[in-house]
Every structure is written in structure tokens, then in C-alpha cells.
């Protein structure tokens, strides 16, 4: 299924985090923090959103860091995706 976000929305997918610490301790699912790094899958067109002109600064394929509790989590075709506003994206990782 293809997801096309509207307005200033961005569809992202979390990047998998390491299962062990640097010292070799294996982390269980409950001990791990929610990752804040994700890959951009789709970007909305921007334009006039809530009376403001929005220019999109991210594009598909980039890795980004987003706010910890931002977005709406959805599950499509077995994939867990997050839809966030561009303003919830804090940085692009290069």
C-alpha cells in the first residue's frame, strides 16, 4: 500500500536500535527507549497550511531525528509507520 501524506505531514519509519549495550548487556523490549531516529518514506506537498506558507525541507530517503512523543503511529501492511508534522522533525542526519 502506498501512503501519500497531506499538507506538511511526513511519513517516517523508525530505524532499528541495537539490542545490546556497549558492555554486552542484552536489552529486553521493555528496557529499550523509544528510538528517535527514523527514515523518511514519504513527504507531503507543503503549501498553505493553517494560513502559513510551508516549504518542505526533507525528502524521502533521509534519516531524521524527531521529537520523542510526536506523531501518530499507524500499522500498514505489517509495517509500523509514524506520521508527523515537519515541525516535529528536529534534525536531518547526514
N, C-alpha and C. Protein backbone atom coordinates (compact mmCIF):
# COMPACT_ATOMS: atom_id res chain seq x y z
N UNK A 1 0.85 -1.18 0.00
CA UNK A 1 0.00 0.00 0.00
C UNK A 1 0.89 1.24 0.00
N UNK A 2 0.54 2.22 -0.79
CA UNK A 2 1.29 3.46 -0.90
C UNK A 2 0.62 4.54 -0.06
N UNK A 3 1.38 5.21 0.79
CA UNK A 3 0.84 6.26 1.66
C UNK A 3 1.34 7.60 1.15
N UNK A 4 0.41 8.53 0.90
CA UNK A 4 0.77 9.87 0.45
C UNK A 4 0.27 10.87 1.49
N UNK A 5 1.19 11.47 2.28
CA UNK A 5 0.77 12.41 3.30
C UNK A 5 0.26 13.72 2.71
N UNK A 6 -0.58 14.41 3.46
CA UNK A 6 -1.15 15.68 3.03
C UNK A 6 -0.51 16.84 3.78
N UNK A 7 -0.55 18.02 3.19
CA UNK A 7 -0.06 19.23 3.84
C UNK A 7 1.40 19.13 4.22
N UNK A 8 1.70 19.45 5.49
CA UNK A 8 3.09 19.44 5.97
C UNK A 8 3.42 18.16 6.72
N UNK A 9 2.71 17.08 6.42
CA UNK A 9 2.94 15.80 7.10
C UNK A 9 4.07 15.01 6.42
N UNK A 10 4.75 14.18 7.22
CA UNK A 10 5.84 13.35 6.75
C UNK A 10 5.63 11.94 7.31
N UNK A 11 5.77 10.91 6.47
CA UNK A 11 5.66 9.53 6.92
C UNK A 11 7.07 9.01 7.16
N UNK A 12 7.31 8.51 8.39
CA UNK A 12 8.63 8.01 8.75
C UNK A 12 8.52 6.60 9.33
N UNK A 13 9.65 5.90 9.29
CA UNK A 13 9.73 4.55 9.87
C UNK A 13 10.96 4.52 10.76
N UNK A 14 10.79 4.07 12.00
CA UNK A 14 11.90 4.02 12.96
C UNK A 14 13.04 3.16 12.45
N UNK A 15 14.25 3.61 12.72
CA UNK A 15 15.45 2.86 12.41
C UNK A 15 15.68 1.92 13.59
N UNK A 16 15.99 0.67 13.31
CA UNK A 16 16.20 -0.32 14.38
C UNK A 16 17.37 0.09 15.26
N UNK A 17 17.20 -0.07 16.57
CA UNK A 17 18.26 0.24 17.51
C UNK A 17 18.98 -1.04 17.91
N UNK A 18 20.14 -0.87 18.50
CA UNK A 18 20.93 -2.02 18.92
C UNK A 18 20.24 -2.76 20.07
N UNK A 19 20.38 -4.07 20.07
CA UNK A 19 19.77 -4.92 21.09
C UNK A 19 20.67 -5.07 22.32
N UNK A 20 21.97 -4.74 22.21
CA UNK A 20 22.89 -4.88 23.33
C UNK A 20 23.58 -3.55 23.60
N UNK A 21 24.02 -3.39 24.84
CA UNK A 21 24.76 -2.19 25.21
C UNK A 21 26.22 -2.36 24.79
N UNK A 22 27.02 -1.30 24.94
CA UNK A 22 28.43 -1.37 24.59
C UNK A 22 29.17 -2.41 25.43
N UNK A 23 28.71 -2.62 26.65
CA UNK A 23 29.38 -3.59 27.52
C UNK A 23 28.87 -5.02 27.30
N UNK A 24 27.94 -5.21 26.35
CA UNK A 24 27.47 -6.55 26.01
C UNK A 24 26.19 -6.98 26.71
N UNK A 25 25.54 -6.09 27.45
CA UNK A 25 24.29 -6.44 28.13
C UNK A 25 23.16 -6.43 27.11
N UNK A 26 22.40 -7.51 27.08
CA UNK A 26 21.28 -7.61 26.14
C UNK A 26 20.06 -6.93 26.75
N UNK A 27 19.44 -6.05 25.98
CA UNK A 27 18.27 -5.30 26.45
C UNK A 27 16.99 -6.00 26.06
N UNK A 28 16.05 -6.06 26.98
CA UNK A 28 14.73 -6.61 26.67
C UNK A 28 13.89 -5.52 26.03
N UNK A 29 12.75 -5.88 25.49
CA UNK A 29 11.87 -4.92 24.82
C UNK A 29 11.41 -3.80 25.72
N UNK A 30 11.20 -4.07 27.01
CA UNK A 30 10.70 -3.03 27.91
C UNK A 30 11.82 -2.11 28.39
N UNK A 31 13.07 -2.56 28.32
CA UNK A 31 14.19 -1.74 28.80
C UNK A 31 14.68 -0.75 27.75
N UNK A 32 14.32 -0.98 26.49
CA UNK A 32 14.79 -0.10 25.43
C UNK A 32 13.97 1.18 25.38
N UNK A 33 14.66 2.28 25.08
CA UNK A 33 13.96 3.55 24.88
C UNK A 33 13.36 3.57 23.49
N UNK A 34 12.30 4.34 23.34
CA UNK A 34 11.70 4.53 22.03
C UNK A 34 12.71 5.25 21.15
N UNK A 35 13.04 4.71 19.97
CA UNK A 35 14.03 5.38 19.12
C UNK A 35 13.51 6.71 18.61
N UNK A 36 14.42 7.64 18.41
CA UNK A 36 14.05 8.95 17.89
C UNK A 36 14.62 9.18 16.51
N UNK A 37 15.32 8.19 15.95
CA UNK A 37 15.85 8.32 14.61
C UNK A 37 14.99 7.49 13.68
N UNK A 38 14.68 8.07 12.52
CA UNK A 38 13.80 7.40 11.57
C UNK A 38 14.21 7.72 10.14
N UNK A 39 13.69 6.93 9.23
CA UNK A 39 13.91 7.16 7.81
C UNK A 39 12.63 7.74 7.21
N UNK A 40 12.78 8.77 6.38
CA UNK A 40 11.62 9.39 5.74
C UNK A 40 11.18 8.52 4.56
N UNK A 41 9.90 8.13 4.56
CA UNK A 41 9.36 7.31 3.48
C UNK A 41 8.58 8.14 2.46
N UNK A 42 7.85 9.15 2.93
CA UNK A 42 7.04 9.99 2.04
C UNK A 42 6.88 11.37 2.65
N UNK A 43 6.76 12.38 1.80
CA UNK A 43 6.64 13.77 2.24
C UNK A 43 5.44 14.42 1.56
N UNK A 44 4.66 15.17 2.34
CA UNK A 44 3.52 15.88 1.79
C UNK A 44 3.97 17.05 0.93
N UNK A 45 3.03 17.69 0.22
CA UNK A 45 3.38 18.76 -0.71
C UNK A 45 3.69 20.11 -0.05
N UNK A 46 3.38 20.26 1.23
CA UNK A 46 3.57 21.57 1.88
C UNK A 46 2.46 22.51 1.43
N UNK A 47 2.83 23.74 1.04
CA UNK A 47 1.83 24.70 0.58
C UNK A 47 1.27 25.52 1.73
N UNK A 48 0.02 25.94 1.58
CA UNK A 48 -0.64 26.78 2.57
C UNK A 48 -1.29 25.88 3.63
N UNK A 49 -0.69 25.84 4.83
CA UNK A 49 -1.19 25.00 5.91
C UNK A 49 -1.51 25.90 7.09
N UNK A 50 -2.75 25.89 7.54
CA UNK A 50 -3.21 26.71 8.66
C UNK A 50 -2.90 28.20 8.46
N UNK A 51 -3.01 28.67 7.23
CA UNK A 51 -2.79 30.08 6.93
C UNK A 51 -1.34 30.49 6.77
N UNK A 52 -0.42 29.52 6.84
CA UNK A 52 1.01 29.81 6.68
C UNK A 52 1.54 29.06 5.48
N UNK A 53 2.45 29.68 4.76
CA UNK A 53 3.09 29.03 3.61
C UNK A 53 4.20 28.12 4.13
N UNK A 54 4.10 26.82 3.84
CA UNK A 54 5.07 25.83 4.32
C UNK A 54 5.87 25.29 3.14
N UNK A 55 7.20 25.35 3.27
CA UNK A 55 8.11 24.75 2.30
C UNK A 55 8.68 23.50 2.94
N UNK A 56 8.63 22.37 2.25
CA UNK A 56 9.14 21.12 2.81
C UNK A 56 10.66 21.07 2.66
N UNK A 57 11.35 20.75 3.77
CA UNK A 57 12.81 20.73 3.79
C UNK A 57 13.39 19.33 3.86
N UNK A 58 12.54 18.31 3.94
CA UNK A 58 13.02 16.92 3.97
C UNK A 58 12.51 16.20 2.73
N UNK A 59 13.16 15.09 2.39
CA UNK A 59 12.69 14.29 1.26
C UNK A 59 12.88 12.82 1.58
N UNK A 60 12.22 11.98 0.82
CA UNK A 60 12.25 10.54 1.04
C UNK A 60 13.68 10.02 0.99
N UNK A 61 13.99 9.11 1.90
CA UNK A 61 15.31 8.51 1.96
C UNK A 61 16.23 9.12 3.00
N UNK A 62 15.91 10.31 3.50
CA UNK A 62 16.75 10.94 4.51
C UNK A 62 16.52 10.29 5.86
N UNK A 63 17.55 10.32 6.71
CA UNK A 63 17.41 9.89 8.10
C UNK A 63 17.24 11.15 8.94
N UNK A 64 16.27 11.13 9.85
CA UNK A 64 15.95 12.31 10.64
C UNK A 64 15.82 11.94 12.12
N UNK A 65 15.94 12.95 12.97
CA UNK A 65 15.67 12.82 14.40
C UNK A 65 14.41 13.61 14.66
N UNK A 66 13.45 12.99 15.36
CA UNK A 66 12.17 13.65 15.61
C UNK A 66 11.87 13.70 17.11
N UNK A 67 10.91 14.54 17.49
CA UNK A 67 10.53 14.70 18.89
C UNK A 67 10.06 13.37 19.46
N UNK A 68 10.36 13.15 20.73
CA UNK A 68 10.13 11.87 21.38
C UNK A 68 8.67 11.40 21.33
N UNK A 69 7.72 12.26 21.59
CA UNK A 69 6.32 11.84 21.65
C UNK A 69 5.50 12.41 20.50
N UNK A 70 6.15 12.68 19.38
CA UNK A 70 5.48 13.30 18.23
C UNK A 70 4.79 12.25 17.36
N UNK A 71 3.79 12.70 16.64
CA UNK A 71 3.21 11.91 15.58
C UNK A 71 2.12 10.94 15.97
N UNK A 72 1.59 10.31 14.93
CA UNK A 72 0.55 9.30 15.07
C UNK A 72 1.08 7.99 14.52
N UNK A 73 1.06 6.96 15.34
CA UNK A 73 1.55 5.66 14.91
C UNK A 73 0.45 4.91 14.18
N UNK A 74 0.78 4.36 13.02
CA UNK A 74 -0.17 3.56 12.23
C UNK A 74 0.54 2.28 11.78
N UNK A 75 -0.26 1.25 11.53
CA UNK A 75 0.29 -0.01 11.06
C UNK A 75 -0.35 -0.33 9.71
N UNK A 76 0.48 -0.39 8.66
CA UNK A 76 0.01 -0.68 7.31
C UNK A 76 0.83 -1.81 6.72
N UNK A 77 0.17 -2.82 6.21
CA UNK A 77 0.85 -3.96 5.58
C UNK A 77 1.93 -4.55 6.48
N UNK A 78 1.68 -4.61 7.78
CA UNK A 78 2.63 -5.19 8.71
C UNK A 78 3.78 -4.28 9.12
N UNK A 79 3.83 -3.06 8.58
CA UNK A 79 4.88 -2.11 8.94
C UNK A 79 4.33 -1.08 9.92
N UNK A 80 5.12 -0.75 10.92
CA UNK A 80 4.73 0.29 11.86
C UNK A 80 5.32 1.62 11.37
N UNK A 81 4.43 2.55 11.02
CA UNK A 81 4.84 3.85 10.49
C UNK A 81 4.39 4.94 11.45
N UNK A 82 5.02 6.10 11.34
CA UNK A 82 4.64 7.26 12.14
C UNK A 82 4.42 8.43 11.19
N UNK A 83 3.31 9.13 11.37
CA UNK A 83 3.02 10.32 10.57
C UNK A 83 3.21 11.53 11.48
N UNK A 84 4.16 12.39 11.12
CA UNK A 84 4.48 13.57 11.93
C UNK A 84 4.37 14.83 11.07
N UNK A 85 4.26 15.97 11.73
CA UNK A 85 4.35 17.25 11.03
C UNK A 85 5.83 17.55 10.82
N UNK A 86 6.13 18.30 9.79
CA UNK A 86 7.53 18.66 9.53
C UNK A 86 8.13 19.39 10.74
N UNK A 87 7.33 20.17 11.44
CA UNK A 87 7.84 20.91 12.60
C UNK A 87 8.25 19.98 13.75
N UNK A 88 7.81 18.71 13.75
CA UNK A 88 8.23 17.75 14.77
C UNK A 88 9.57 17.12 14.47
N UNK A 89 10.09 17.35 13.26
CA UNK A 89 11.40 16.83 12.90
C UNK A 89 12.45 17.84 13.37
N UNK A 90 13.39 17.36 14.17
CA UNK A 90 14.37 18.25 14.80
C UNK A 90 15.63 18.43 13.97
N UNK A 91 16.05 17.36 13.24
CA UNK A 91 17.30 17.44 12.50
C UNK A 91 17.36 16.38 11.43
N UNK A 92 18.20 16.63 10.42
CA UNK A 92 18.48 15.64 9.38
C UNK A 92 19.87 15.08 9.68
N UNK A 93 19.99 13.76 9.67
CA UNK A 93 21.26 13.09 9.95
C UNK A 93 21.96 12.81 8.62
N UNK A 94 23.18 13.28 8.48
CA UNK A 94 23.93 13.06 7.23
C UNK A 94 25.09 12.13 7.45
